[in-house]
């Protein structure tokens, strides 16, 4: 019956992103009683899931970028011969399992997955766009949490904020004593996981001498620059071949 597996051989070519999005995580937020507007425990868990995907999953994405309940994985080489169904299913399943471990969950969670085809320039533009979405998510989350804390219901709060631009939301929060530009960087700009060279001490097996060697280690970066800035582009130029 393999001839009926119509999409099992559909393959992709790198470079590309696989974006994972949490499914119905609003229910998870209620179950875990997550703190509004941002919960440190959940943010840390998503960062560690991204770290597991980069360093422990065996599929070797170049880096991961995460905010809220989404993770974008960049690939310059593809596992599974680029088979799209395999990429989507394995990565979504791995992320769900990793988050279950990180949060000690007893109920199942799920991610959906999609492939985003890019060239080096589009790979950069994609991250600039996702970081802008992280900023929009950040200011809306703060504003909605502030209104709910004042006794306005979630639906009415959402309706009141609908259509308001960034300056209006900034002003709304400033009037309530919060400068959104001074909130933690990971809330405003997201978090990345990428490999960096580190020096480790070892022993030369031939001489027994202690030596320093350079190894690659995946690290979590919670203090990202704006990707649209010079520093941000320089960071991504190190990670995206051909940029």
Protein backbone atom coordinates (compact mmCIF):
# COMPACT_ATOMS: atom_id res chain seq x y z
CA UNK A 1 0.00 0.00 0.00
CA UNK A 2 2.99 2.31 -0.16
CA UNK A 3 1.65 3.80 -3.38
CA UNK A 4 -1.10 5.37 -1.28
CA UNK A 5 1.43 7.26 0.88
CA UNK A 6 1.11 10.15 -1.52
CA UNK A 7 3.30 12.67 0.31
CA UNK A 8 5.81 10.39 2.04
CA UNK A 9 8.48 11.09 -0.61
CA UNK A 10 7.83 14.82 -0.90
CA UNK A 11 11.26 16.33 -0.26
CA UNK A 12 12.60 19.80 0.45
CA UNK A 13 15.92 21.43 -0.30
CA UNK A 14 17.84 23.61 2.15
CA UNK A 15 18.10 26.24 3.39
CA UNK A 16 14.77 26.35 5.19
CA UNK A 17 13.06 26.91 8.51
CA UNK A 18 10.75 24.56 10.31
CA UNK A 19 8.44 26.56 12.54
CA UNK A 20 6.80 24.83 15.48
CA UNK A 21 3.71 26.37 17.10
CA UNK A 22 2.06 25.24 20.30
CA UNK A 23 -1.47 23.93 19.79
CA UNK A 24 -4.13 25.30 22.16
CA UNK A 25 -1.52 26.46 24.67
CA UNK A 26 -4.09 28.82 26.24
CA UNK A 27 -5.47 25.71 27.96
CA UNK A 28 -1.98 24.78 29.11
CA UNK A 29 -1.56 28.31 30.50
CA UNK A 30 -4.73 27.92 32.56
CA UNK A 31 -3.75 24.46 33.80
CA UNK A 32 -0.31 25.62 34.92
CA UNK A 33 -1.67 28.94 36.22
CA UNK A 34 1.02 30.79 34.29
CA UNK A 35 1.81 34.32 35.42
CA UNK A 36 0.63 37.11 33.12
CA UNK A 37 1.95 38.67 30.97
CA UNK A 38 5.10 36.50 30.90
CA UNK A 39 5.87 33.46 32.99
CA UNK A 40 9.57 32.88 33.70
CA UNK A 41 9.09 29.14 34.19
CA UNK A 42 7.40 28.71 30.83
CA UNK A 43 9.90 30.99 29.07
CA UNK A 44 12.80 29.00 30.51
CA UNK A 45 11.15 25.73 29.51
CA UNK A 46 10.73 26.84 25.89
CA UNK A 47 14.37 27.96 25.80
CA UNK A 48 15.48 24.56 27.07
CA UNK A 49 13.26 22.81 24.50
CA UNK A 50 15.01 24.87 21.81
CA UNK A 51 18.38 23.87 23.32
CA UNK A 52 17.39 20.21 23.22
CA UNK A 53 16.35 20.55 19.56
CA UNK A 54 19.68 22.12 18.60
CA UNK A 55 21.99 19.99 20.74
CA UNK A 56 20.20 16.76 21.56
CA UNK A 57 17.65 15.86 18.94
CA UNK A 58 20.07 14.45 16.37
CA UNK A 59 18.63 16.56 13.54
CA UNK A 60 21.21 19.37 13.92
CA UNK A 61 19.51 22.66 13.08
CA UNK A 62 21.99 25.54 12.85
CA UNK A 63 20.02 27.54 15.40
CA UNK A 64 16.63 27.99 17.01
CA UNK A 65 14.69 31.18 17.67
CA UNK A 66 11.82 31.11 20.13
CA UNK A 67 9.24 33.42 21.66
CA UNK A 68 5.83 32.79 23.20
CA UNK A 69 4.82 29.25 22.16
CA UNK A 70 6.72 29.04 18.87
CA UNK A 71 10.18 27.83 17.84
CA UNK A 72 11.80 28.43 14.45
CA UNK A 73 14.60 26.03 13.47
CA UNK A 74 17.02 26.94 10.67
CA UNK A 75 18.57 24.18 8.57
CA UNK A 76 21.42 24.51 6.07
CA UNK A 77 21.55 20.71 5.75
CA UNK A 78 18.54 18.44 6.13
CA UNK A 79 18.04 15.14 7.92
CA UNK A 80 15.77 12.40 6.54
CA UNK A 81 16.81 13.30 2.96
CA UNK A 82 14.66 16.40 3.32
CA UNK A 83 11.39 14.44 3.52
CA UNK A 84 8.83 17.03 4.58
CA UNK A 85 6.45 14.69 6.41
CA UNK A 86 9.36 13.27 8.39
CA UNK A 87 10.75 16.71 9.25
CA UNK A 88 7.40 18.04 10.44
CA UNK A 89 6.31 14.97 12.38
CA UNK A 90 9.61 14.21 14.14
CA UNK A 91 10.35 17.81 15.13
CA UNK A 92 6.83 18.48 16.41
CA UNK A 93 6.81 15.22 18.38
CA UNK A 94 10.26 15.86 19.83
CA UNK A 95 9.32 19.39 20.93
CA UNK A 96 6.12 18.16 22.60
CA UNK A 97 8.01 15.42 24.45
CA UNK A 98 10.76 17.83 25.50
CA UNK A 99 8.26 20.39 26.84
CA UNK A 100 6.44 17.65 28.74
CA UNK A 101 9.73 16.76 30.45
CA UNK A 102 10.75 20.35 31.12
CA UNK A 103 7.43 21.29 32.73
CA UNK A 104 6.70 17.92 34.36
CA UNK A 105 3.34 17.71 32.60
CA UNK A 106 0.83 14.92 33.12
CA UNK A 107 -1.44 15.85 30.23
CA UNK A 108 -0.32 15.69 26.56
CA UNK A 109 0.68 18.77 24.60
CA UNK A 110 1.14 19.19 20.87
CA UNK A 111 2.96 21.37 18.37
CA UNK A 112 2.14 21.79 14.72
CA UNK A 113 4.95 22.25 12.20
CA UNK A 114 5.45 23.89 8.83
CA UNK A 115 8.35 24.22 6.41
CA UNK A 116 9.36 27.72 5.30
CA UNK A 117 11.58 27.85 2.20
CA UNK A 118 14.20 30.63 2.15
CA UNK A 119 17.39 31.84 0.54
CA UNK A 120 20.01 33.64 2.68
CA UNK A 121 18.35 37.04 2.24
CA UNK A 122 14.88 35.67 2.96
CA UNK A 123 16.28 33.75 5.96
CA UNK A 124 17.36 37.09 7.44
CA UNK A 125 14.06 38.81 6.58
CA UNK A 126 12.15 35.92 8.15
CA UNK A 127 13.86 36.40 11.50
CA UNK A 128 13.39 40.16 11.39
CA UNK A 129 9.70 39.51 10.84
CA UNK A 130 9.42 36.93 13.63
CA UNK A 131 11.17 39.29 16.03
CA UNK A 132 8.70 42.03 15.12
CA UNK A 133 5.93 39.57 15.91
CA UNK A 134 7.62 38.86 19.26
CA UNK A 135 7.53 42.61 20.00
CA UNK A 136 3.85 42.87 19.04
CA UNK A 137 3.07 39.84 21.20
CA UNK A 138 4.99 41.46 24.07
CA UNK A 139 3.21 44.82 24.06
CA UNK A 140 -0.22 43.25 23.62
CA UNK A 141 0.42 40.77 26.43
CA UNK A 142 1.39 43.52 28.85
CA UNK A 143 -1.54 45.74 27.89
CA UNK A 144 -4.09 42.94 28.12
CA UNK A 145 -2.72 41.76 31.48
CA UNK A 146 -2.93 45.34 32.81
CA UNK A 147 -6.58 45.71 31.80
CA UNK A 148 -7.53 42.32 33.21
CA UNK A 149 -5.82 43.24 36.50
CA UNK A 150 -8.11 46.28 36.61
CA UNK A 151 -11.17 44.06 36.47
CA UNK A 152 -11.89 44.10 32.73
CA UNK A 153 -12.74 40.66 31.33
CA UNK A 154 -10.40 39.04 28.79
CA UNK A 155 -12.82 39.50 25.86
CA UNK A 156 -13.54 43.12 26.66
CA UNK A 157 -9.83 43.77 27.16
CA UNK A 158 -9.03 42.25 23.77
CA UNK A 159 -11.77 44.31 22.15
CA UNK A 160 -10.48 47.50 23.75
CA UNK A 161 -6.95 46.85 22.48
CA UNK A 162 -7.99 45.82 18.97
CA UNK A 163 -6.57 48.17 16.38
CA UNK A 164 -4.29 50.07 18.76
CA UNK A 165 -0.79 50.67 17.46
CA UNK A 166 2.50 50.38 19.30
CA UNK A 167 2.60 54.06 20.45
CA UNK A 168 -0.88 53.82 21.98
CA UNK A 169 -0.03 50.60 23.81
CA UNK A 170 3.23 52.14 25.03
CA UNK A 171 1.29 55.09 26.41
CA UNK A 172 -1.33 52.85 28.01
CA UNK A 173 1.38 50.98 29.92
CA UNK A 174 3.42 54.11 30.70
CA UNK A 175 0.35 55.59 32.38
CA UNK A 176 0.31 52.49 34.58
CA UNK A 177 3.98 52.79 35.55
CA UNK A 178 5.56 50.34 33.08
CA UNK A 179 8.07 51.33 30.41
CA UNK A 180 7.86 48.53 27.86
CA UNK A 181 11.33 49.37 26.53
CA UNK A 182 12.79 48.37 29.91
CA UNK A 183 11.17 44.95 30.24
CA UNK A 184 13.46 41.87 30.02
CA UNK A 185 15.08 41.49 26.59
CA UNK A 186 13.84 37.92 26.12
CA UNK A 187 10.25 39.13 26.42
CA UNK A 188 10.76 41.90 23.85
CA UNK A 189 13.11 40.23 21.37
CA UNK A 190 12.86 36.50 21.91
CA UNK A 191 15.55 33.92 22.67
CA UNK A 192 18.05 32.14 20.41
CA UNK A 193 20.00 28.94 20.77
CA UNK A 194 23.13 28.59 18.66
CA UNK A 195 26.57 27.03 18.85
CA UNK A 196 29.59 28.99 19.98
CA UNK A 197 33.26 27.98 20.18
CA UNK A 198 34.47 27.37 23.73
CA UNK A 199 37.85 26.36 25.10
CA UNK A 200 37.91 23.14 27.08
CA UNK A 201 40.79 21.56 28.93
CA UNK A 202 41.81 18.09 27.88
CA UNK A 203 44.72 15.69 27.79
CA UNK A 204 46.86 14.84 24.78
CA UNK A 205 46.60 11.03 24.57
CA UNK A 206 50.09 10.81 23.04
CA UNK A 207 51.99 12.89 25.59
CA UNK A 208 49.69 13.04 28.58
CA UNK A 209 50.04 16.82 28.62
CA UNK A 210 47.12 19.06 29.53
CA UNK A 211 46.03 21.04 26.47
CA UNK A 212 43.31 23.49 25.52
CA UNK A 213 40.99 22.51 22.69
CA UNK A 214 38.22 24.46 20.98
CA UNK A 215 34.80 22.81 20.95
CA UNK A 216 31.39 23.90 19.75
CA UNK A 217 28.72 24.22 22.43
CA UNK A 218 25.06 25.18 22.08
CA UNK A 219 24.16 28.14 24.29
CA UNK A 220 20.97 30.04 25.14
CA UNK A 221 21.09 33.77 24.31
CA UNK A 222 18.40 35.75 26.14
CA UNK A 223 19.90 39.16 25.39
CA UNK A 224 19.47 39.48 21.64
CA UNK A 225 20.02 42.65 19.62
CA UNK A 226 17.40 43.84 17.19
CA UNK A 227 17.94 41.70 14.12
CA UNK A 228 17.29 44.77 11.97
CA UNK A 229 20.26 46.57 13.58
CA UNK A 230 23.91 46.31 12.58
CA UNK A 231 24.70 44.11 15.58
CA UNK A 232 21.73 41.89 14.81
CA UNK A 233 22.70 41.42 11.18
CA UNK A 234 26.30 40.69 12.22
CA UNK A 235 25.07 37.97 14.57
CA UNK A 236 22.92 36.37 11.90
CA UNK A 237 25.69 36.64 9.29
CA UNK A 238 27.69 34.26 11.48
CA UNK A 239 24.85 31.75 11.48
CA UNK A 240 23.25 31.96 8.02
CA UNK A 241 25.59 30.82 5.22
CA UNK A 242 25.81 33.31 2.38
CA UNK A 243 24.24 36.24 4.21
